Amino acid sequence: MRVTNVPFRFALPVFKHGASGKYIMWHPKMNEFDERMKKLFDEVDACIENIYGGRYSLHPMRPARGETSNPEADGLFNIGAVFTPGYGSEHGRGYLIDVSISTLDNVDEDTRREIYEAAADKIKELLPVHFPERELTVLRDKNHFKIKGDFNLGVI
């Protein structure tokens, strides 16, 4: 078992079971935040799959869209975010938006940028829907997009 820190200023430590990779302890406010973020990214994934899903062949080892219970694990795209403390960033800490395309086809740089920008625009549109009580926005941070704003979990 190893101890890691949750990427929030006032959060408790998280214990991760080494063999299974499952989290043993999360703070309830962190769980709720993560569940809402997951719903947002699943909705963005569905939108991007609808627009761009037919343009490229799926990687042979990747299940087709809808074949698993988790949109992260199937279809052409996996859209999510990873927290960064923001060292060296123009905008500081936040969530870097990550768009993975599961294909062996060559995807030109202009199309990648178009897909990435479409995902960022959709996230920007959905943030107030999924997090109406928080001031969150999507900003360009060098060659990435980042969700920036109020990530405070309050008093724990």
C-alpha atoms as a PDB file:
ATOM      1  CA  MET A   1       0.000   0.000   0.000  1.00  0.00           C
ATOM      2  CA  ARG A   2       1.305   3.435  -0.850  1.00  0.00           C
ATOM      3  CA  VAL A   3       0.083   6.829   0.212  1.00  0.00           C
ATOM      4  CA  THR A   4      -0.489   9.594  -2.305  1.00  0.00           C
ATOM      5  CA  ASN A   5      -1.980  13.037  -1.947  1.00  0.00           C
ATOM      6  CA  VAL A   6      -5.222  14.144  -3.535  1.00  0.00           C
ATOM      7  CA  PRO A   7      -4.609  17.040  -5.940  1.00  0.00           C
ATOM      8  CA  PHE A   8      -6.561  19.511  -3.835  1.00  0.00           C
ATOM      9  CA  ARG A   9      -5.251  21.906  -1.250  1.00  0.00           C
ATOM     10  CA  PHE A  10      -7.425  20.765   1.668  1.00  0.00           C
ATOM     11  CA  ALA A  11      -7.988  17.089   0.905  1.00  0.00           C
ATOM     12  CA  LEU A  12      -7.059  14.057   2.972  1.00  0.00           C
ATOM     13  CA  PRO A  13      -4.453  11.507   1.892  1.00  0.00           C
ATOM     14  CA  VAL A  14      -5.601   8.697  -0.352  1.00  0.00           C
ATOM     15  CA  PHE A  15      -4.555   5.099   0.169  1.00  0.00           C
ATOM     16  CA  LYS A  16      -4.133   3.127  -3.011  1.00  0.00           C
ATOM     17  CA  HIS A  17      -3.964  -0.641  -2.953  1.00  0.00           C
ATOM     18  CA  GLY A  18      -0.878  -1.589  -4.968  1.00  0.00           C
ATOM     19  CA  ALA A  19      -2.090  -4.880  -6.459  1.00  0.00           C
ATOM     20  CA  SER A  20      -5.594  -3.885  -7.532  1.00  0.00           C
ATOM     21  CA  GLY A  21      -4.978  -0.190  -8.085  1.00  0.00           C
ATOM     22  CA  LYS A  22      -8.303   0.557  -6.348  1.00  0.00           C
ATOM     23  CA  TYR A  23      -8.647   3.464  -3.984  1.00  0.00           C
ATOM     24  CA  ILE A  24      -9.389   2.414  -0.458  1.00  0.00           C
ATOM     25  CA  MET A  25     -10.195   5.820   1.022  1.00  0.00           C
ATOM     26  CA  TRP A  26     -11.537   8.969  -0.624  1.00  0.00           C
ATOM     27  CA  HIS A  27     -13.193  11.891   1.035  1.00  0.00           C
ATOM     28  CA  PRO A  28     -16.948  11.964   0.180  1.00  0.00           C
ATOM     29  CA  LYS A  29     -16.668  15.462  -1.327  1.00  0.00           C
ATOM     30  CA  MET A  30     -13.875  14.237  -3.577  1.00  0.00           C
ATOM     31  CA  ASN A  31     -15.978  11.231  -4.627  1.00  0.00           C
ATOM     32  CA  GLU A  32     -18.897  13.494  -5.518  1.00  0.00           C
ATOM     33  CA  PHE A  33     -16.657  15.885  -7.485  1.00  0.00           C
ATOM     34  CA  ASP A  34     -15.075  12.988  -9.419  1.00  0.00           C
ATOM     35  CA  GLU A  35     -18.462  11.425 -10.235  1.00  0.00           C
ATOM     36  CA  ARG A  36     -19.738  14.704 -11.653  1.00  0.00           C
ATOM     37  CA  MET A  37     -16.534  15.213 -13.629  1.00  0.00           C
ATOM     38  CA  LYS A  38     -16.835  11.657 -15.021  1.00  0.00           C
ATOM     39  CA  LYS A  39     -20.425  12.335 -16.180  1.00  0.00           C
ATOM     40  CA  LEU A  40     -19.276  15.521 -17.897  1.00  0.00           C
ATOM     41  CA  PHE A  41     -16.467  13.716 -19.748  1.00  0.00           C
ATOM     42  CA  ASP A  42     -18.743  10.817 -20.733  1.00  0.00           C
ATOM     43  CA  GLU A  43     -21.116  13.369 -22.286  1.00  0.00           C
ATOM     44  CA  VAL A  44     -18.250  15.085 -24.121  1.00  0.00           C
ATOM     45  CA  ASP A  45     -16.974  11.691 -25.314  1.00  0.00           C
ATOM     46  CA  ALA A  46     -20.412  10.857 -26.762  1.00  0.00           C
ATOM     47  CA  CYS A  47     -20.579  14.213 -28.565  1.00  0.00           C
ATOM     48  CA  ILE A  48     -17.095  13.874 -30.067  1.00  0.00           C
ATOM     49  CA  GLU A  49     -17.787  10.232 -31.039  1.00  0.00           C
ATOM     50  CA  ASN A  50     -20.955  11.377 -32.859  1.00  0.00           C
ATOM     51  CA  ILE A  51     -19.080  14.042 -34.807  1.00  0.00           C
ATOM     52  CA  TYR A  52     -15.725  12.382 -35.521  1.00  0.00           C
ATOM     53  CA  GLY A  53     -16.217   8.684 -34.726  1.00  0.00           C
ATOM     54  CA  GLY A  54     -16.650   7.532 -38.325  1.00  0.00           C
ATOM     55  CA  ARG A  55     -13.583   9.249 -39.762  1.00  0.00           C
ATOM     56  CA  TYR A  56     -10.984   6.687 -38.674  1.00  0.00           C
ATOM     57  CA  SER A  57     -10.847   2.957 -38.160  1.00  0.00           C
ATOM     58  CA  LEU A  58     -10.795   1.759 -34.580  1.00  0.00           C
ATOM     59  CA  HIS A  59      -7.615   0.249 -33.144  1.00  0.00           C
ATOM     60  CA  PRO A  60      -7.951  -3.561 -33.461  1.00  0.00           C
ATOM     61  CA  MET A  61      -7.509  -4.045 -29.691  1.00  0.00           C
ATOM     62  CA  ARG A  62     -10.111  -1.419 -28.742  1.00  0.00           C
ATOM     63  CA  PRO A  63     -13.784  -2.421 -28.236  1.00  0.00           C
ATOM     64  CA  ALA A  64     -16.332  -0.673 -30.436  1.00  0.00           C
ATOM     65  CA  ARG A  65     -18.363   2.185 -29.017  1.00  0.00           C
ATOM     66  CA  GLY A  66     -20.921   0.957 -26.486  1.00  0.00           C
ATOM     67  CA  GLU A  67     -19.416  -2.525 -26.040  1.00  0.00           C
ATOM     68  CA  THR A  68     -18.266  -1.788 -22.494  1.00  0.00           C
ATOM     69  CA  SER A  69     -20.026  -0.131 -19.595  1.00  0.00           C
ATOM     70  CA  ASN A  70     -17.474   2.677 -19.574  1.00  0.00           C
ATOM     71  CA  PRO A  71     -17.032   5.119 -22.500  1.00  0.00           C
ATOM     72  CA  GLU A  72     -13.376   5.548 -21.477  1.00  0.00           C
ATOM     73  CA  ALA A  73     -12.746   1.943 -22.476  1.00  0.00           C
ATOM     74  CA  ASP A  74     -14.417   1.790 -25.890  1.00  0.00           C
ATOM     75  CA  GLY A  75     -14.907   3.748 -29.068  1.00  0.00           C
ATOM     76  CA  LEU A  76     -12.450   5.892 -30.970  1.00  0.00           C
ATOM     77  CA  PHE A  77     -11.957   8.486 -28.225  1.00  0.00           C
ATOM     78  CA  ASN A  78     -11.067   8.638 -24.558  1.00  0.00           C
ATOM     79  CA  ILE A  79     -11.596  12.121 -23.197  1.00  0.00           C
ATOM     80  CA  GLY A  80     -10.650  13.037 -19.662  1.00  0.00           C
ATOM     81  CA  ALA A  81      -8.481  15.304 -17.571  1.00  0.00           C
ATOM     82  CA  VAL A  82      -5.501  15.017 -15.305  1.00  0.00           C
ATOM     83  CA  PHE A  83      -4.766  17.400 -12.449  1.00  0.00           C
ATOM     84  CA  THR A  84      -1.624  19.511 -12.618  1.00  0.00           C
ATOM     85  CA  PRO A  85      -0.212  21.764  -9.883  1.00  0.00           C
ATOM     86  CA  GLY A  86       0.681  24.170 -12.692  1.00  0.00           C
ATOM     87  CA  TYR A  87       4.404  24.649 -12.202  1.00  0.00           C
ATOM     88  CA  GLY A  88       5.725  26.455 -15.272  1.00  0.00           C
ATOM     89  CA  SER A  89       2.208  27.189 -16.464  1.00  0.00           C
ATOM     90  CA  GLU A  90       0.776  30.540 -17.459  1.00  0.00           C
ATOM     91  CA  HIS A  91      -2.448  29.803 -15.546  1.00  0.00           C
ATOM     92  CA  GLY A  92      -1.336  27.740 -12.533  1.00  0.00           C
ATOM     93  CA  ARG A  93      -3.064  24.636 -11.253  1.00  0.00           C
ATOM     94  CA  GLY A  94      -6.023  22.997 -12.936  1.00  0.00           C
ATOM     95  CA  TYR A  95      -7.030  19.990 -15.001  1.00  0.00           C
ATOM     96  CA  LEU A  96      -5.291  19.427 -18.342  1.00  0.00           C
ATOM     97  CA  ILE A  97      -7.777  18.117 -20.880  1.00  0.00           C
ATOM     98  CA  ASP A  98      -6.629  14.880 -22.484  1.00  0.00           C
ATOM     99  CA  VAL A  99      -8.023  13.537 -25.760  1.00  0.00           C
ATOM    100  CA  SER A 100      -6.753  10.118 -26.870  1.00  0.00           C
ATOM    101  CA  ILE A 101      -7.584   8.765 -30.318  1.00  0.00           C
ATOM    102  CA  SER A 102      -7.506   4.951 -30.547  1.00  0.00           C
ATOM    103  CA  THR A 103      -6.600   4.289 -34.158  1.00  0.00           C
ATOM    104  CA  LEU A 104      -3.671   3.054 -36.202  1.00  0.00           C
ATOM    105  CA  ASP A 105      -4.642   5.476 -38.984  1.00  0.00           C
ATOM    106  CA  ASN A 106      -2.580   8.597 -39.539  1.00  0.00           C
ATOM    107  CA  VAL A 107      -4.452  11.570 -38.040  1.00  0.00           C
ATOM    108  CA  ASP A 108      -3.055  14.817 -39.413  1.00  0.00           C
ATOM    109  CA  GLU A 109      -2.183  17.608 -37.002  1.00  0.00           C
ATOM    110  CA  ASP A 110      -4.942  19.955 -38.222  1.00  0.00           C
ATOM    111  CA  THR A 111      -7.612  17.310 -37.568  1.00  0.00           C
ATOM    112  CA  ARG A 112      -6.143  16.529 -34.130  1.00  0.00           C
ATOM    113  CA  ARG A 113      -6.287  20.217 -33.271  1.00  0.00           C
ATOM    114  CA  GLU A 114      -9.877  20.443 -34.555  1.00  0.00           C
ATOM    115  CA  ILE A 115     -10.962  17.461 -32.412  1.00  0.00           C
ATOM    116  CA  TYR A 116      -9.136  18.814 -29.371  1.00  0.00           C
ATOM    117  CA  GLU A 117     -10.707  22.265 -29.775  1.00  0.00           C
ATOM    118  CA  ALA A 118     -14.176  20.738 -30.265  1.00  0.00           C
ATOM    119  CA  ALA A 119     -13.744  18.752 -27.038  1.00  0.00           C
ATOM    120  CA  ALA A 120     -12.553  21.864 -25.168  1.00  0.00           C
ATOM    121  CA  ASP A 121     -15.515  23.894 -26.500  1.00  0.00           C
ATOM    122  CA  LYS A 122     -17.968  21.182 -25.410  1.00  0.00           C
ATOM    123  CA  ILE A 123     -16.389  20.993 -21.942  1.00  0.00           C
ATOM    124  CA  LYS A 124     -16.631  24.780 -21.641  1.00  0.00           C
ATOM    125  CA  GLU A 125     -20.320  24.554 -22.586  1.00  0.00           C
ATOM    126  CA  LEU A 126     -21.053  21.751 -20.084  1.00  0.00           C
ATOM    127  CA  LEU A 127     -19.099  22.983 -17.046  1.00  0.00           C
ATOM    128  CA  PRO A 128     -21.908  25.342 -15.894  1.00  0.00           C
ATOM    129  CA  VAL A 129     -24.427  22.508 -16.353  1.00  0.00           C
ATOM    130  CA  HIS A 130     -22.507  19.971 -14.269  1.00  0.00           C
ATOM    131  CA  PHE A 131     -20.957  22.454 -11.802  1.00  0.00           C
ATOM    132  CA  PRO A 132     -23.384  25.402 -11.533  1.00  0.00           C
ATOM    133  CA  GLU A 133     -22.114  26.341  -8.055  1.00  0.00           C
ATOM    134  CA  ARG A 134     -18.472  26.621  -9.148  1.00  0.00           C
ATOM    135  CA  GLU A 135     -16.684  29.149 -11.308  1.00  0.00           C
ATOM    136  CA  LEU A 136     -14.863  26.909 -13.775  1.00  0.00           C
ATOM    137  CA  THR A 137     -13.670  27.739 -17.257  1.00  0.00           C
ATOM    138  CA  VAL A 138     -11.540  26.298 -20.033  1.00  0.00           C
ATOM    139  CA  LEU A 139      -8.400  28.197 -21.004  1.00  0.00           C
ATOM    140  CA  ARG A 140      -5.630  27.584 -23.492  1.00  0.00           C
ATOM    141  CA  ASP A 141      -2.368  27.025 -21.619  1.00  0.00           C
ATOM    142  CA  LYS A 142       0.442  26.987 -24.185  1.00  0.00           C
ATOM    143  CA  ASN A 143      -0.417  24.011 -26.447  1.00  0.00           C
ATOM    144  CA  HIS A 144      -2.979  22.482 -24.059  1.00  0.00           C
ATOM    145  CA  PHE A 145      -6.429  23.292 -22.770  1.00  0.00           C
ATOM    146  CA  LYS A 146      -6.949  23.473 -19.027  1.00  0.00           C
ATOM    147  CA  ILE A 147      -9.979  23.569 -16.742  1.00  0.00           C
ATOM    148  CA  LYS A 148      -9.299  26.344 -14.309  1.00  0.00           C
ATOM    149  CA  GLY A 149     -11.253  27.719 -11.376  1.00  0.00           C
ATOM    150  CA  ASP A 150     -12.661  26.834  -7.969  1.00  0.00           C
ATOM    151  CA  PHE A 151     -11.654  23.288  -6.985  1.00  0.00           C
ATOM    152  CA  ASN A 152     -11.985  23.915  -3.244  1.00  0.00           C
ATOM    153  CA  LEU A 153     -13.735  21.088  -1.424  1.00  0.00           C
ATOM    154  CA  GLY A 154     -14.587  23.327   1.521  1.00  0.00           C
ATOM    155  CA  VAL A 155     -14.104  22.327   5.130  1.00  0.00           C
ATOM    156  CA  ILE A 156     -13.210  18.692   5.508  1.00  0.00           C
END
